Every structure is written in structure tokens, then in C-alpha cells.
Amino acid sequence: MERRRTKFGCPWTLATVALAVIATSLFLSTCESHMAGLFIATREGLVAGEFWRLATGPFVHGTVEHLFRDTVALLVLGFFAERRLGSLFLPIVGAGIVLPTVAVFIVPPGLDSYFGLSGLVHALLVAVILFELRQARGRWRLGLAAIGVIYVANLTFEMAMGKLLFPHAFGAGFHLAPVAPLAGALIGTAVIARVGFRQRASHSMMTGDPSTSKPA
């Protein structure tokens, strides 16, 4: 009798959360030593060529509350997104970690340091909403649209006011970086928009749409 192999649901999500917990634990336990400075993404470090900070910075959190908020959101979204988005999930994760970190340093006014997974959380949230909107019907579609409107309103508030609608502690000397959530939202939008464009192009080729046909 052949034994059926079961596939675990969201290994990449759990791995990302585990790295965040480990990095934050190391940061908080060594915050008085030089080692603490090796994790956070800093302008000074990047200028010096320490580009690993683009990947390590987002995993660090300034407080346990900050870590809890990001990882709970990531677990909920990741558990759903990793199953639904399939091969799109890892590109979103990679871009959602690195690109928001880049954005906070190059978009005025620019920051001297950055940490947290808010960019990735927003990338996954927007990707999930848009992905499901493409397939949902009826009340579920209206519900998703309402969630999208609330999300845009919240993001607009954060960008305009420079603070969270539901504040929490980032840690001493650290403040909200509204550019990171915006960058994450743009990443999620871009990935799903690209998928939609490719699907329409493929459908047009299969149905013989002359607008997408190549000349002989």
C-alpha cells in the first residue's frame, strides 16, 4: 500500500516569521553591543557597501509589540497567500523585503535607518485583495472592494499624517516610515497587474484577437 505524502501548507511564511523572531531576539538581547548595529539597515552602512542590510533590516523589530504586530499579520496573510498565489508568493516576499528598504533611503526626506516587515505585509495584503477581486463574485467581491477602500484610506492617512491610525511602539528613537507601506502596496499591485496583463495577452492569442496578433 502506497503511503500518501502530505505537503505542508506555508513553509516560506513560517521561515520568514522565524527569521524575524531570531533577528529581533538577537537585536534586543545585544542592543548595547556593536553586534546590534550589524542587523539594521542604515544609510551609513549601505554607503559603506554593506548591502546585506537591505535583507536583514526588515527582520529586525524595535520592540516585542512591533514584532508581534508584524508577525501576526504576516502569518495570517502568508498562510492564505502562499496557497493562493502559488509561484507569485516568493517574488512578492523577496521584493517586499528589499524594495521598501531601498525606498525609505532614496525617497525624500530619506531615513538614516530602517527595520520592520511592514513593506512585506502591505505587499501581501494588496496582492491578496487584488488577486481575489479578479475571481470573486457577488457579495464576496463587494466585501473585498470595501476592504480595499478602507486600506487605501488608512494608507492615505499614514502618508498624510506621518503616523499610524492605530499606534504602537517601534522602540526608542524610531518612528513610522510611511514610504515602506506605500512601496509594499505598489509591489503587490504591480505583480497582480502583470499577471492580469499576461493572462489577457494569452487569451487574446488563443482566440485570435487581431489587436495582439503579430504581422506575418
N, C-alpha and C. Protein backbone atom coordinates (compact mmCIF):
# COMPACT_ATOMS: atom_id res chain seq x y z
N MET A 1 0.84 -1.21 0.00
CA MET A 1 0.00 0.00 0.00
C MET A 1 0.87 1.25 0.00
N GLU A 2 0.59 2.11 -0.94
CA GLU A 2 1.42 3.32 -1.07
C GLU A 2 1.00 4.35 -0.03
N ARG A 3 1.98 4.90 0.62
CA ARG A 3 1.71 5.90 1.65
C ARG A 3 1.64 7.28 1.01
N ARG A 4 0.57 7.96 1.26
CA ARG A 4 0.37 9.28 0.67
C ARG A 4 1.17 10.32 1.41
N ARG A 5 1.92 11.13 0.67
CA ARG A 5 2.74 12.17 1.26
C ARG A 5 1.92 13.45 1.39
N THR A 6 2.00 14.07 2.53
CA THR A 6 1.29 15.33 2.76
C THR A 6 2.24 16.51 2.58
N LYS A 7 1.74 17.54 2.00
CA LYS A 7 2.55 18.73 1.74
C LYS A 7 2.19 19.81 2.75
N PHE A 8 3.20 20.33 3.45
CA PHE A 8 2.94 21.34 4.47
C PHE A 8 2.51 22.64 3.79
N GLY A 9 1.60 23.34 4.44
CA GLY A 9 0.91 24.46 3.82
C GLY A 9 1.69 25.71 3.55
N CYS A 10 2.46 26.22 4.50
CA CYS A 10 3.06 27.55 4.31
C CYS A 10 4.48 27.60 4.89
N PRO A 11 5.41 26.81 4.36
CA PRO A 11 6.76 26.78 4.93
C PRO A 11 7.51 28.09 4.80
N TRP A 12 7.31 28.82 3.69
CA TRP A 12 8.05 30.06 3.50
C TRP A 12 7.56 31.14 4.44
N THR A 13 6.27 31.15 4.72
CA THR A 13 5.74 32.10 5.69
C THR A 13 6.32 31.84 7.08
N LEU A 14 6.32 30.58 7.49
CA LEU A 14 6.85 30.24 8.80
C LEU A 14 8.35 30.53 8.89
N ALA A 15 9.07 30.29 7.79
CA ALA A 15 10.50 30.58 7.78
C ALA A 15 10.76 32.08 7.92
N THR A 16 9.95 32.90 7.26
CA THR A 16 10.10 34.35 7.36
C THR A 16 9.81 34.84 8.78
N VAL A 17 8.75 34.30 9.38
CA VAL A 17 8.42 34.67 10.75
C VAL A 17 9.53 34.23 11.70
N ALA A 18 10.04 33.02 11.50
CA ALA A 18 11.12 32.52 12.36
C ALA A 18 12.35 33.40 12.28
N LEU A 19 12.71 33.84 11.08
CA LEU A 19 13.86 34.73 10.92
C LEU A 19 13.63 36.05 11.64
N ALA A 20 12.41 36.56 11.56
CA ALA A 20 12.09 37.82 12.24
C ALA A 20 12.24 37.67 13.75
N VAL A 21 11.75 36.55 14.28
CA VAL A 21 11.85 36.31 15.72
C VAL A 21 13.31 36.19 16.15
N ILE A 22 14.10 35.44 15.37
CA ILE A 22 15.52 35.25 15.70
C ILE A 22 16.28 36.57 15.62
N ALA A 23 16.08 37.31 14.51
CA ALA A 23 16.80 38.57 14.33
C ALA A 23 16.45 39.58 15.41
N THR A 24 15.16 39.66 15.75
CA THR A 24 14.74 40.61 16.78
C THR A 24 15.27 40.20 18.14
N SER A 25 15.26 38.90 18.44
CA SER A 25 15.79 38.42 19.71
C SER A 25 17.26 38.76 19.85
N LEU A 26 18.02 38.55 18.77
CA LEU A 26 19.45 38.88 18.80
C LEU A 26 19.65 40.38 18.97
N PHE A 27 18.82 41.16 18.26
CA PHE A 27 18.96 42.62 18.34
C PHE A 27 18.65 43.13 19.74
N LEU A 28 17.53 42.68 20.30
CA LEU A 28 17.13 43.17 21.62
C LEU A 28 18.06 42.69 22.73
N SER A 29 18.62 41.49 22.57
CA SER A 29 19.49 40.96 23.62
C SER A 29 20.91 41.52 23.53
N THR A 30 21.26 42.11 22.37
CA THR A 30 22.62 42.64 22.20
C THR A 30 22.61 44.13 21.90
N CYS A 31 21.52 44.81 22.28
CA CYS A 31 21.35 46.20 21.87
C CYS A 31 22.40 47.13 22.44
N GLU A 32 23.16 46.67 23.43
CA GLU A 32 24.20 47.50 24.00
C GLU A 32 25.58 47.22 23.37
N SER A 33 25.61 46.29 22.44
CA SER A 33 26.90 45.92 21.85
C SER A 33 26.97 46.33 20.38
N HIS A 34 28.16 46.18 19.81
CA HIS A 34 28.37 46.52 18.41
C HIS A 34 27.57 45.61 17.49
N MET A 35 27.31 44.36 17.93
CA MET A 35 26.61 43.40 17.09
C MET A 35 25.22 43.89 16.71
N ALA A 36 24.57 44.63 17.60
CA ALA A 36 23.21 45.11 17.31
C ALA A 36 23.19 45.94 16.03
N GLY A 37 24.23 46.71 15.80
CA GLY A 37 24.26 47.57 14.63
C GLY A 37 24.46 46.85 13.32
N LEU A 38 24.77 45.56 13.35
CA LEU A 38 25.02 44.81 12.13
C LEU A 38 23.73 44.38 11.44
N PHE A 39 22.61 44.45 12.14
CA PHE A 39 21.36 43.94 11.58
C PHE A 39 20.53 45.01 10.89
N ILE A 40 20.40 46.17 11.52
CA ILE A 40 19.52 47.20 10.99
C ILE A 40 20.06 47.77 9.68
N ALA A 41 19.14 48.07 8.77
CA ALA A 41 19.52 48.75 7.53
C ALA A 41 19.78 50.21 7.84
N THR A 42 21.00 50.67 7.63
CA THR A 42 21.36 52.06 7.89
C THR A 42 21.94 52.69 6.63
N ARG A 43 21.71 53.99 6.51
CA ARG A 43 22.27 54.70 5.36
C ARG A 43 23.79 54.63 5.36
N GLU A 44 24.37 54.81 6.53
CA GLU A 44 25.83 54.77 6.66
C GLU A 44 26.38 53.41 6.23
N GLY A 45 25.72 52.34 6.66
CA GLY A 45 26.17 51.01 6.30
C GLY A 45 26.05 50.74 4.81
N LEU A 46 24.95 51.16 4.20
CA LEU A 46 24.75 50.93 2.77
C LEU A 46 25.75 51.72 1.94
N VAL A 47 26.01 52.94 2.36
CA VAL A 47 27.02 53.75 1.66
C VAL A 47 28.38 53.08 1.73
N ALA A 48 28.64 52.38 2.84
CA ALA A 48 29.91 51.67 3.01
C ALA A 48 29.94 50.33 2.28
N GLY A 49 28.86 50.01 1.55
CA GLY A 49 28.83 48.78 0.78
C GLY A 49 28.30 47.57 1.52
N GLU A 50 27.67 47.78 2.68
CA GLU A 50 27.14 46.66 3.47
C GLU A 50 25.70 46.37 3.03
N PHE A 51 25.58 45.83 1.82
CA PHE A 51 24.27 45.67 1.20
C PHE A 51 23.44 44.55 1.80
N TRP A 52 24.04 43.70 2.63
CA TRP A 52 23.25 42.66 3.29
C TRP A 52 22.19 43.28 4.20
N ARG A 53 22.41 44.53 4.59
CA ARG A 53 21.46 45.20 5.48
C ARG A 53 20.09 45.37 4.81
N LEU A 54 20.03 45.40 3.48
CA LEU A 54 18.75 45.50 2.79
C LEU A 54 17.88 44.29 3.07
N ALA A 55 18.51 43.13 3.32
CA ALA A 55 17.79 41.90 3.59
C ALA A 55 17.59 41.65 5.08
N THR A 56 18.57 42.06 5.90
CA THR A 56 18.47 41.78 7.33
C THR A 56 17.64 42.83 8.08
N GLY A 57 17.68 44.07 7.61
CA GLY A 57 16.98 45.15 8.30
C GLY A 57 15.50 44.87 8.56
N PRO A 58 14.74 44.44 7.54
CA PRO A 58 13.31 44.22 7.76
C PRO A 58 12.98 43.15 8.79
N PHE A 59 13.89 42.22 9.05
CA PHE A 59 13.60 41.16 10.01
C PHE A 59 13.75 41.64 11.46
N VAL A 60 14.44 42.75 11.65
CA VAL A 60 14.64 43.29 12.99
C VAL A 60 13.46 44.17 13.38
N HIS A 61 13.05 44.10 14.66
CA HIS A 61 11.97 44.93 15.19
C HIS A 61 12.43 45.56 16.49
N GLY A 62 11.98 46.80 16.73
CA GLY A 62 12.49 47.55 17.87
C GLY A 62 11.93 47.13 19.21
N THR A 63 10.74 46.54 19.21
CA THR A 63 10.11 46.09 20.45
C THR A 63 9.39 44.77 20.20
N VAL A 64 9.03 44.10 21.28
CA VAL A 64 8.26 42.86 21.17
C VAL A 64 6.89 43.15 20.57
N GLU A 65 6.30 44.28 20.94
CA GLU A 65 4.99 44.66 20.38
C GLU A 65 5.07 44.85 18.87
N HIS A 66 6.13 45.51 18.41
CA HIS A 66 6.35 45.72 16.98
C HIS A 66 6.49 44.37 16.28
N LEU A 67 7.27 43.47 16.85
CA LEU A 67 7.46 42.13 16.29
C LEU A 67 6.14 41.38 16.25
N PHE A 68 5.38 41.42 17.34
CA PHE A 68 4.12 40.69 17.42
C PHE A 68 3.15 41.16 16.35
N ARG A 69 3.05 42.47 16.18
CA ARG A 69 2.11 43.03 15.21
C ARG A 69 2.46 42.60 13.79
N ASP A 70 3.72 42.70 13.43
CA ASP A 70 4.14 42.34 12.07
C ASP A 70 4.01 40.84 11.81
N THR A 71 4.44 40.02 12.76
CA THR A 71 4.44 38.57 12.53
C THR A 71 3.03 37.99 12.52
N VAL A 72 2.14 38.52 13.34
CA VAL A 72 0.75 38.04 13.30
C VAL A 72 0.13 38.36 11.94
N ALA A 73 0.33 39.58 11.47
CA ALA A 73 -0.19 39.96 10.15
C ALA A 73 0.42 39.09 9.06
N LEU A 74 1.72 38.84 9.17
CA LEU A 74 2.40 38.02 8.17
C LEU A 74 1.91 36.58 8.19
N LEU A 75 1.67 36.03 9.38
CA LEU A 75 1.16 34.66 9.48
C LEU A 75 -0.22 34.54 8.83
N VAL A 76 -1.09 35.48 9.12
CA VAL A 76 -2.45 35.43 8.57
C VAL A 76 -2.42 35.58 7.05
N LEU A 77 -1.72 36.61 6.57
CA LEU A 77 -1.67 36.85 5.13
C LEU A 77 -0.87 35.77 4.41
N GLY A 78 0.27 35.38 5.01
CA GLY A 78 1.12 34.39 4.37
C GLY A 78 0.48 33.03 4.26
N PHE A 79 -0.25 32.61 5.29
CA PHE A 79 -0.94 31.33 5.26
C PHE A 79 -1.91 31.26 4.09
N PHE A 80 -2.58 32.38 3.83
CA PHE A 80 -3.53 32.44 2.73
C PHE A 80 -2.82 32.64 1.40
N ALA A 81 -1.89 33.60 1.37
CA ALA A 81 -1.25 33.97 0.11
C ALA A 81 -0.36 32.87 -0.46
N GLU A 82 0.34 32.17 0.41
CA GLU A 82 1.26 31.14 -0.07
C GLU A 82 0.51 30.02 -0.80
N ARG A 83 -0.71 29.75 -0.38
CA ARG A 83 -1.52 28.73 -1.03
C ARG A 83 -2.19 29.26 -2.30
N ARG A 84 -2.68 30.49 -2.23
CA ARG A 84 -3.46 31.03 -3.33
C ARG A 84 -2.61 31.61 -4.46
N LEU A 85 -1.50 32.25 -4.10
CA LEU A 85 -0.69 32.92 -5.11
C LEU A 85 0.32 32.00 -5.78
N GLY A 86 0.60 30.86 -5.17
CA GLY A 86 1.49 29.88 -5.80
C GLY A 86 2.87 30.43 -6.08
N SER A 87 3.29 30.37 -7.34
CA SER A 87 4.65 30.79 -7.73
C SER A 87 4.87 32.29 -7.60
N LEU A 88 3.80 33.05 -7.41
CA LEU A 88 3.94 34.51 -7.23
C LEU A 88 4.40 34.87 -5.83
N PHE A 89 4.24 33.93 -4.90
CA PHE A 89 4.47 34.26 -3.50
C PHE A 89 5.92 34.65 -3.22
N LEU A 90 6.87 33.83 -3.63
CA LEU A 90 8.28 34.13 -3.32
C LEU A 90 8.77 35.42 -3.96
N PRO A 91 8.44 35.72 -5.23
CA PRO A 91 8.84 37.02 -5.77
C PRO A 91 8.29 38.19 -4.97
N ILE A 92 7.05 38.07 -4.49
CA ILE A 92 6.47 39.14 -3.68
C ILE A 92 7.22 39.27 -2.36
N VAL A 93 7.56 38.13 -1.75
CA VAL A 93 8.30 38.16 -0.50
C VAL A 93 9.66 38.82 -0.68
N GLY A 94 10.39 38.40 -1.73
CA GLY A 94 11.72 38.97 -1.97
C GLY A 94 11.66 40.46 -2.22
N ALA A 95 10.73 40.87 -3.10
CA ALA A 95 10.60 42.30 -3.40
C ALA A 95 10.07 43.06 -2.19
N GLY A 96 9.16 42.44 -1.43
CA GLY A 96 8.57 43.10 -0.28
C GLY A 96 9.54 43.30 0.87
N ILE A 97 10.61 42.54 0.89
CA ILE A 97 11.64 42.71 1.91
C ILE A 97 12.65 43.77 1.50
N VAL A 98 13.13 43.69 0.27
CA VAL A 98 14.25 44.53 -0.16
C VAL A 98 13.81 45.91 -0.66
N LEU A 99 12.81 45.97 -1.55
CA LEU A 99 12.49 47.23 -2.21
C LEU A 99 11.95 48.32 -1.27
N PRO A 100 11.08 48.00 -0.30
CA PRO A 100 10.68 49.06 0.64
C PRO A 100 11.86 49.60 1.44
N THR A 101 12.84 48.73 1.73
CA THR A 101 14.03 49.19 2.44
C THR A 101 14.81 50.18 1.59
N VAL A 102 14.93 49.88 0.30
CA VAL A 102 15.59 50.81 -0.62
C VAL A 102 14.82 52.13 -0.69
N ALA A 103 13.48 52.02 -0.76
CA ALA A 103 12.65 53.21 -0.95
C ALA A 103 12.80 54.20 0.19
N VAL A 104 12.88 53.71 1.43
CA VAL A 104 12.93 54.65 2.56
C VAL A 104 14.22 55.46 2.58
N PHE A 105 15.24 54.98 1.87
CA PHE A 105 16.50 55.73 1.84
C PHE A 105 16.60 56.69 0.65
N ILE A 106 15.86 56.41 -0.42
CA ILE A 106 16.01 57.24 -1.62
C ILE A 106 14.85 58.22 -1.81
N VAL A 107 13.69 57.95 -1.19
CA VAL A 107 12.55 58.85 -1.33
C VAL A 107 12.65 59.93 -0.24
N PRO A 108 12.60 61.21 -0.63
CA PRO A 108 12.70 62.29 0.36
C PRO A 108 11.61 62.17 1.41
N PRO A 109 11.89 62.51 2.67
CA PRO A 109 13.15 63.10 3.14
C PRO A 109 14.25 62.08 3.38
N GLY A 110 13.98 60.80 3.25
CA GLY A 110 15.00 59.79 3.48
C GLY A 110 15.25 59.57 4.96
N LEU A 111 15.60 58.33 5.31
CA LEU A 111 15.85 58.00 6.71
C LEU A 111 17.29 57.58 6.90
N ASP A 112 17.73 57.60 8.13
CA ASP A 112 19.09 57.15 8.45
C ASP A 112 19.13 55.66 8.78
N SER A 113 17.97 55.08 9.18
CA SER A 113 17.91 53.66 9.49
C SER A 113 16.49 53.16 9.31
N TYR A 114 16.35 51.85 9.14
CA TYR A 114 15.03 51.27 8.90
C TYR A 114 15.01 49.82 9.35
N PHE A 115 13.88 49.42 9.94
CA PHE A 115 13.65 47.99 10.19
C PHE A 115 12.16 47.73 10.26
N GLY A 116 11.77 46.44 10.22
CA GLY A 116 10.36 46.06 10.27
C GLY A 116 9.88 45.47 8.95
N LEU A 117 8.82 44.65 9.03
CA LEU A 117 8.29 43.94 7.86
C LEU A 117 7.03 44.57 7.31
N SER A 118 6.80 45.84 7.60
CA SER A 118 5.57 46.47 7.13
C SER A 118 5.49 46.50 5.60
N GLY A 119 6.61 46.69 4.93
CA GLY A 119 6.60 46.69 3.47
C GLY A 119 6.11 45.36 2.91
N LEU A 120 6.60 44.26 3.45
CA LEU A 120 6.19 42.94 3.01
C LEU A 120 4.72 42.68 3.35
N VAL A 121 4.30 43.05 4.54
CA VAL A 121 2.91 42.85 4.95
C VAL A 121 1.97 43.57 3.99
N HIS A 122 2.29 44.79 3.64
CA HIS A 122 1.43 45.56 2.73
C HIS A 122 1.47 44.98 1.32
N ALA A 123 2.61 44.49 0.89
CA ALA A 123 2.71 43.87 -0.44
C ALA A 123 1.80 42.65 -0.53
N LEU A 124 1.83 41.80 0.50
CA LEU A 124 1.00 40.60 0.51
C LEU A 124 -0.49 40.96 0.61
N LEU A 125 -0.80 41.94 1.45
CA LEU A 125 -2.20 42.33 1.63
C LEU A 125 -2.80 42.82 0.32
N VAL A 126 -2.11 43.71 -0.36
CA VAL A 126 -2.62 44.25 -1.63
C VAL A 126 -2.69 43.16 -2.69
N ALA A 127 -1.68 42.30 -2.74
CA ALA A 127 -1.68 41.22 -3.73
C ALA A 127 -2.86 40.28 -3.52
N VAL A 128 -3.13 39.94 -2.27
CA VAL A 128 -4.26 39.05 -1.96
C VAL A 128 -5.59 39.70 -2.33
N ILE A 129 -5.76 40.96 -1.96
CA ILE A 129 -7.02 41.65 -2.27
C ILE A 129 -7.25 41.70 -3.77
N LEU A 130 -6.24 42.11 -4.53
CA LEU A 130 -6.40 42.24 -5.97
C LEU A 130 -6.57 40.88 -6.64
N PHE A 131 -5.83 39.89 -6.17
CA PHE A 131 -5.94 38.55 -6.74
C PHE A 131 -7.35 38.00 -6.56
N GLU A 132 -7.90 38.17 -5.36
CA GLU A 132 -9.24 37.65 -5.08
C GLU A 132 -10.31 38.47 -5.79
N LEU A 133 -10.09 39.78 -5.94
CA LEU A 133 -11.06 40.61 -6.65
C LEU A 133 -11.24 40.17 -8.09
N ARG A 134 -10.16 39.65 -8.68
CA ARG A 134 -10.22 39.19 -10.07
C ARG A 134 -11.11 37.96 -10.22
N GLN A 135 -11.29 37.21 -9.13
CA GLN A 135 -12.02 35.96 -9.23
C GLN A 135 -13.33 35.95 -8.45
N ALA A 136 -13.48 36.86 -7.49
CA ALA A 136 -14.66 36.85 -6.63
C ALA A 136 -15.89 37.35 -7.37
N ARG A 137 -17.04 36.96 -6.86
CA ARG A 137 -18.31 37.38 -7.43
C ARG A 137 -19.27 37.73 -6.30
N GLY A 138 -20.27 38.53 -6.61
CA GLY A 138 -21.34 38.83 -5.68
C GLY A 138 -20.89 39.57 -4.43
N ARG A 139 -21.43 39.13 -3.28
CA ARG A 139 -21.16 39.82 -2.02
C ARG A 139 -19.70 39.74 -1.61
N TRP A 140 -19.05 38.63 -1.90
CA TRP A 140 -17.64 38.48 -1.56
C TRP A 140 -16.81 39.53 -2.29
N ARG A 141 -17.15 39.80 -3.54
CA ARG A 141 -16.44 40.83 -4.31
C ARG A 141 -16.67 42.21 -3.71
N LEU A 142 -17.93 42.50 -3.30
CA LEU A 142 -18.22 43.78 -2.68
C LEU A 142 -17.48 43.93 -1.35
N GLY A 143 -17.40 42.82 -0.60
CA GLY A 143 -16.68 42.85 0.67
C GLY A 143 -15.21 43.14 0.47
N LEU A 144 -14.61 42.51 -0.54
CA LEU A 144 -13.20 42.75 -0.84
C LEU A 144 -12.97 44.19 -1.29
N ALA A 145 -13.89 44.70 -2.10
CA ALA A 145 -13.79 46.09 -2.55
C ALA A 145 -13.85 47.04 -1.35
N ALA A 146 -14.72 46.74 -0.38
CA ALA A 146 -14.82 47.58 0.81
C ALA A 146 -13.53 47.53 1.62
N ILE A 147 -12.95 46.34 1.74
CA ILE A 147 -11.66 46.21 2.44
C ILE A 147 -10.59 47.03 1.72
N GLY A 148 -10.61 47.00 0.39
CA GLY A 148 -9.65 47.77 -0.39
C GLY A 148 -9.80 49.26 -0.16
N VAL A 149 -11.04 49.74 -0.10
CA VAL A 149 -11.28 51.16 0.14
C VAL A 149 -10.78 51.57 1.52
N ILE A 150 -11.06 50.74 2.53
CA ILE A 150 -10.60 51.02 3.89
C ILE A 150 -9.07 51.03 3.93
N TYR A 151 -8.47 50.09 3.21
CA TYR A 151 -7.00 50.03 3.19
C TYR A 151 -6.41 51.30 2.58
N VAL A 152 -6.95 51.72 1.44
CA VAL A 152 -6.44 52.93 0.79
C VAL A 152 -6.61 54.15 1.69
N ALA A 153 -7.75 54.23 2.39
CA ALA A 153 -7.98 55.35 3.30
C ALA A 153 -6.97 55.34 4.44
N ASN A 154 -6.69 54.16 4.97
CA ASN A 154 -5.72 54.05 6.06
C ASN A 154 -4.32 54.43 5.59
N LEU A 155 -3.94 53.94 4.40
CA LEU A 155 -2.61 54.25 3.87
C LEU A 155 -2.48 55.74 3.58
N THR A 156 -3.55 56.34 3.07
CA THR A 156 -3.54 57.78 2.80
C THR A 156 -3.36 58.57 4.09
N PHE A 157 -4.05 58.13 5.14
CA PHE A 157 -3.92 58.78 6.45
C PHE A 157 -2.48 58.71 6.95
N GLU A 158 -1.87 57.52 6.85
CA GLU A 158 -0.50 57.36 7.32
C GLU A 158 0.47 58.22 6.53
N MET A 159 0.28 58.29 5.20
CA MET A 159 1.17 59.10 4.37
C MET A 159 1.00 60.58 4.68
N ALA A 160 -0.25 61.03 4.89
CA ALA A 160 -0.51 62.45 5.12
C ALA A 160 -0.11 62.90 6.51
N MET A 161 -0.36 62.06 7.50
CA MET A 161 -0.14 62.45 8.90
C MET A 161 1.21 61.99 9.43
N GLY A 162 1.84 61.02 8.76
CA GLY A 162 3.12 60.52 9.22
C GLY A 162 3.03 59.72 10.50
N LYS A 163 1.85 59.12 10.76
CA LYS A 163 1.68 58.29 11.95
C LYS A 163 0.63 57.22 11.67
N LEU A 164 0.64 56.16 12.50
CA LEU A 164 -0.30 55.07 12.34
C LEU A 164 -1.68 55.46 12.86
N LEU A 165 -2.72 54.93 12.21
CA LEU A 165 -4.07 55.14 12.70
C LEU A 165 -4.26 54.43 14.04
N PHE A 166 -3.60 53.25 14.17
CA PHE A 166 -3.61 52.51 15.43
C PHE A 166 -2.16 52.40 15.91
N PRO A 167 -1.69 53.36 16.67
CA PRO A 167 -0.27 53.45 17.01
C PRO A 167 0.22 52.28 17.87
N HIS A 168 1.50 52.01 17.75
CA HIS A 168 2.19 51.07 18.64
C HIS A 168 3.64 51.49 18.73
N ALA A 169 4.35 50.92 19.69
CA ALA A 169 5.73 51.35 19.95
C ALA A 169 6.70 50.69 18.98
N PHE A 170 7.52 51.51 18.32
CA PHE A 170 8.58 50.99 17.45
C PHE A 170 9.88 50.79 18.21
N GLY A 171 10.02 51.46 19.32
CA GLY A 171 11.28 51.44 20.06
C GLY A 171 11.83 52.85 20.18
N ALA A 172 12.68 53.05 21.16
CA ALA A 172 13.22 54.38 21.42
C ALA A 172 13.98 54.92 20.22
N GLY A 173 13.64 56.13 19.80
CA GLY A 173 14.36 56.80 18.73
C GLY A 173 13.93 56.41 17.33
N PHE A 174 12.91 55.53 17.19
CA PHE A 174 12.47 55.10 15.87
C PHE A 174 11.03 55.54 15.63
N HIS A 175 10.73 55.83 14.37
CA HIS A 175 9.42 56.36 14.01
C HIS A 175 8.91 55.69 12.74
N LEU A 176 7.63 55.95 12.43
CA LEU A 176 6.99 55.38 11.26
C LEU A 176 7.68 55.83 9.97
N ALA A 177 7.82 54.90 9.03
CA ALA A 177 8.35 55.21 7.70
C ALA A 177 7.23 54.95 6.69
N PRO A 178 6.37 55.94 6.41
CA PRO A 178 5.20 55.72 5.56
C PRO A 178 5.55 55.25 4.15
N VAL A 179 6.76 55.54 3.69
CA VAL A 179 7.16 55.14 2.34
C VAL A 179 7.20 53.62 2.20
N ALA A 180 7.55 52.91 3.27
CA ALA A 180 7.67 51.45 3.20
C ALA A 180 6.32 50.78 2.89
N PRO A 181 5.23 51.10 3.62
CA PRO A 181 3.94 50.52 3.25
C PRO A 181 3.51 50.88 1.83
N LEU A 182 3.78 52.12 1.41
CA LEU A 182 3.41 52.53 0.05
C LEU A 182 4.18 51.71 -0.97
N ALA A 183 5.49 51.51 -0.73
CA ALA A 183 6.28 50.69 -1.64
C ALA A 183 5.75 49.27 -1.69
N GLY A 184 5.38 48.73 -0.52
CA GLY A 184 4.81 47.39 -0.49
C GLY A 184 3.52 47.30 -1.29
N ALA A 185 2.66 48.29 -1.13
CA ALA A 185 1.39 48.31 -1.86
C ALA A 185 1.63 48.34 -3.37
N LEU A 186 2.60 49.12 -3.80
CA LEU A 186 2.93 49.20 -5.23
C LEU A 186 3.48 47.87 -5.75
N ILE A 187 4.24 47.18 -4.92
CA ILE A 187 4.77 45.87 -5.32
C ILE A 187 3.63 44.88 -5.54
N GLY A 188 2.72 44.80 -4.56
CA GLY A 188 1.58 43.90 -4.70
C GLY A 188 0.74 44.22 -5.92
N THR A 189 0.52 45.51 -6.16
CA THR A 189 -0.26 45.94 -7.33
C THR A 189 0.44 45.57 -8.63
N ALA A 190 1.74 45.81 -8.70
CA ALA A 190 2.49 45.55 -9.92
C ALA A 190 2.51 44.07 -10.27
N VAL A 191 2.67 43.21 -9.28
CA VAL A 191 2.72 41.77 -9.54
C VAL A 191 1.39 41.27 -10.07
N ILE A 192 0.30 41.63 -9.43
CA ILE A 192 -1.01 41.16 -9.87
C ILE A 192 -1.40 41.78 -11.21
N ALA A 193 -1.03 43.04 -11.43
CA ALA A 193 -1.31 43.68 -12.72
C ALA A 193 -0.57 42.98 -13.85
N ARG A 194 0.66 42.57 -13.59
CA ARG A 194 1.44 41.86 -14.60
C ARG A 194 0.80 40.51 -14.93
N VAL A 195 0.33 39.84 -13.91
CA VAL A 195 -0.35 38.56 -14.13
C VAL A 195 -1.59 38.76 -14.98
N GLY A 196 -2.37 39.79 -14.66
CA GLY A 196 -3.57 40.07 -15.43
C GLY A 196 -3.26 40.40 -16.88
N PHE A 197 -2.21 41.17 -17.11
CA PHE A 197 -1.81 41.53 -18.48
C PHE A 197 -1.41 40.29 -19.27
N ARG A 198 -0.62 39.40 -18.63
CA ARG A 198 -0.18 38.19 -19.31
C ARG A 198 -1.34 37.26 -19.61
N GLN A 199 -2.30 37.18 -18.71
CA GLN A 199 -3.46 36.33 -18.94
C GLN A 199 -4.31 36.86 -20.09
N ARG A 200 -4.49 38.18 -20.15
CA ARG A 200 -5.27 38.76 -21.24
C ARG A 200 -4.56 38.56 -22.57
N ALA A 201 -3.23 38.72 -22.57
CA ALA A 201 -2.47 38.52 -23.80
C ALA A 201 -2.57 37.08 -24.27
N SER A 202 -2.47 36.14 -23.33
CA SER A 202 -2.56 34.72 -23.68
C SER A 202 -3.95 34.39 -24.21
N HIS A 203 -4.99 34.95 -23.58
CA HIS A 203 -6.35 34.69 -24.03
C HIS A 203 -6.58 35.26 -25.42
N SER A 204 -6.04 36.46 -25.68
CA SER A 204 -6.21 37.09 -26.98
C SER A 204 -5.53 36.28 -28.08
N MET A 205 -4.37 35.72 -27.78
CA MET A 205 -3.67 34.89 -28.77
C MET A 205 -4.44 33.62 -29.05
N MET A 206 -5.05 33.03 -28.03
CA MET A 206 -5.80 31.79 -28.21
C MET A 206 -7.08 32.01 -29.00
N THR A 207 -7.69 33.19 -28.83
CA THR A 207 -8.94 33.48 -29.53
C THR A 207 -8.72 34.18 -30.85
N GLY A 208 -7.45 34.47 -31.19
CA GLY A 208 -7.15 35.09 -32.46
C GLY A 208 -7.48 36.54 -32.55
N ASP A 209 -7.37 37.27 -31.44
CA ASP A 209 -7.64 38.71 -31.42
C ASP A 209 -6.61 39.40 -32.31
N PRO A 210 -7.07 40.08 -33.39
CA PRO A 210 -6.12 40.73 -34.30
C PRO A 210 -5.32 41.84 -33.67
N SER A 211 -5.80 42.42 -32.58
CA SER A 211 -5.08 43.54 -31.95
C SER A 211 -3.81 43.09 -31.31
N THR A 212 -3.68 41.76 -31.00
CA THR A 212 -2.46 41.27 -30.37
C THR A 212 -1.69 40.34 -31.28
N SER A 213 -2.19 40.13 -32.52
CA SER A 213 -1.51 39.22 -33.44
C SER A 213 -0.31 39.90 -34.06
N LYS A 214 0.74 39.14 -34.28
CA LYS A 214 1.93 39.68 -34.92
C LYS A 214 1.76 39.63 -36.43
N PRO A 215 2.31 40.63 -37.16
CA PRO A 215 2.21 40.62 -38.62
C PRO A 215 2.99 39.47 -39.22
N ALA A 216 2.49 38.98 -40.33
CA ALA A 216 3.17 37.85 -40.99
C ALA A 216 4.44 38.32 -41.65
